[in-house]
Amino acid sequence: MSSVIWYLYEFARKGWVENFAGAATDREIVESPERFRDFPEVIRELCIACGACTAACPSPAAIRLVRTKDKDAENGEGITYPVINTDACIRCGFCAEVCPTDPKTLRTGEAHLIREEFTIIPSEKMFVIDDFLCIKCKKCAKACQVEGAITEEEGKMVIDQSKCIACGKCAQTCPVKGAIKGIYIENVEGQKDVINLVIRTLEDLIESRQDELKGLPPEEVVKFEVPLEDIIEKARGMLPEEEHIKDMVERVTDRLKLRIITWDDSSCKSCRLCVDECPSGAITYDEEKGVQRDANKCLRCTTCYQTCPFGVAGAYVARFLLTSTELEEDKVIVTVKPAQLEYRG
């Protein structure tokens, strides 16, 4: 009975009633710390539409890029910016970490304070500048939307891979074809296989025209077309991505210059002069088979051509030109002429 009277006394106290009526959570508990990662805040006017945030996001459908219908007075296009799906977002902050704009387009907790030099932006492709082809016009640096990603160092244009977002605008702007190359990081061995497939196929086709090429005067050329349909079909078994195949085939065939060595076994007298002179060991001698050439080891250095007194080896220069970019219907124009060495009629 005494305990009940004590509780009634406590509840009746003026101080308890005031505390109960004005109850509030402690301020320190209510306010989130600066490091707290809430759903990302989007400053859409700062977005450069690079897509780094969508590539970095580990949660499907959590972030996507949209374009407004309103026309921008400056470039005539709507504004592109990321939209966060709060139902799918896991608040990891990766999108804010990889965002290359300064100030950041995406902000969340302290994640948006991380700068590009400490971040690896997920990408299947990286871009490099071929200094041999580069004319130092600096159009790539002007087109690049990430400050400091393309700079000039010691007279050479250089792409900083830690800042590059692999948008490809530098390659699109470059006036010299091939000066900026896009290199796929994945399936490197598959890319090598496709390159070798294309080159070997074209070499075999040229060598099959050996009778037509033999005795060709230096001022004349042989020109023919090669359909790519069979090559593309074989390449699909080496690379899973159609875009990768297209890029590899274009890179190999478009404006490629290649040395070609033909080999006429019927003219060989087994003098073996070429065997000793070959720097790569591609030419060997067997008592039963005679002099043999391994095309896989051949460097196309033309030493055998310059050594052989019987014209067994033929040296030619072949150029390739892609007729279009639709690989299914495409053809390669092949032009072959004798190498600019001493003519052996």
Foldseek 3Di string as FASTA:
>chain_A
DVVVVVVVVVCPDPVNVVCVVPPDDDPVVPDDDLQAFDPKDFPQVQDPPLCLLVQQDPWPPQKDKDFDPDADPPPRGGGITMDGDVVGDPRPLRSLQCQQTVQGRIDTRCSVVHHLLVDQRDDQKDKWFDQVQDPPPCQLVVQDPHPPQWDADPNGIGGDNSRDSPSCRSQVRDPTPPRMDIDGPPLPVLLVVLLCLLVVVVLVVVLVCVVVAPPFDQVDKDKDKAACQVSLVVSCVSDVDPVSSLSSNCVNFAFDKDKHKHFAPVQDPLPCQVCVVQPQNQWDQDPVPGIGGNPVRHPSPCPSVVRDPRRRIFIKMKHWRWPDSPRNGIMIMIMIGGDPDDDDD
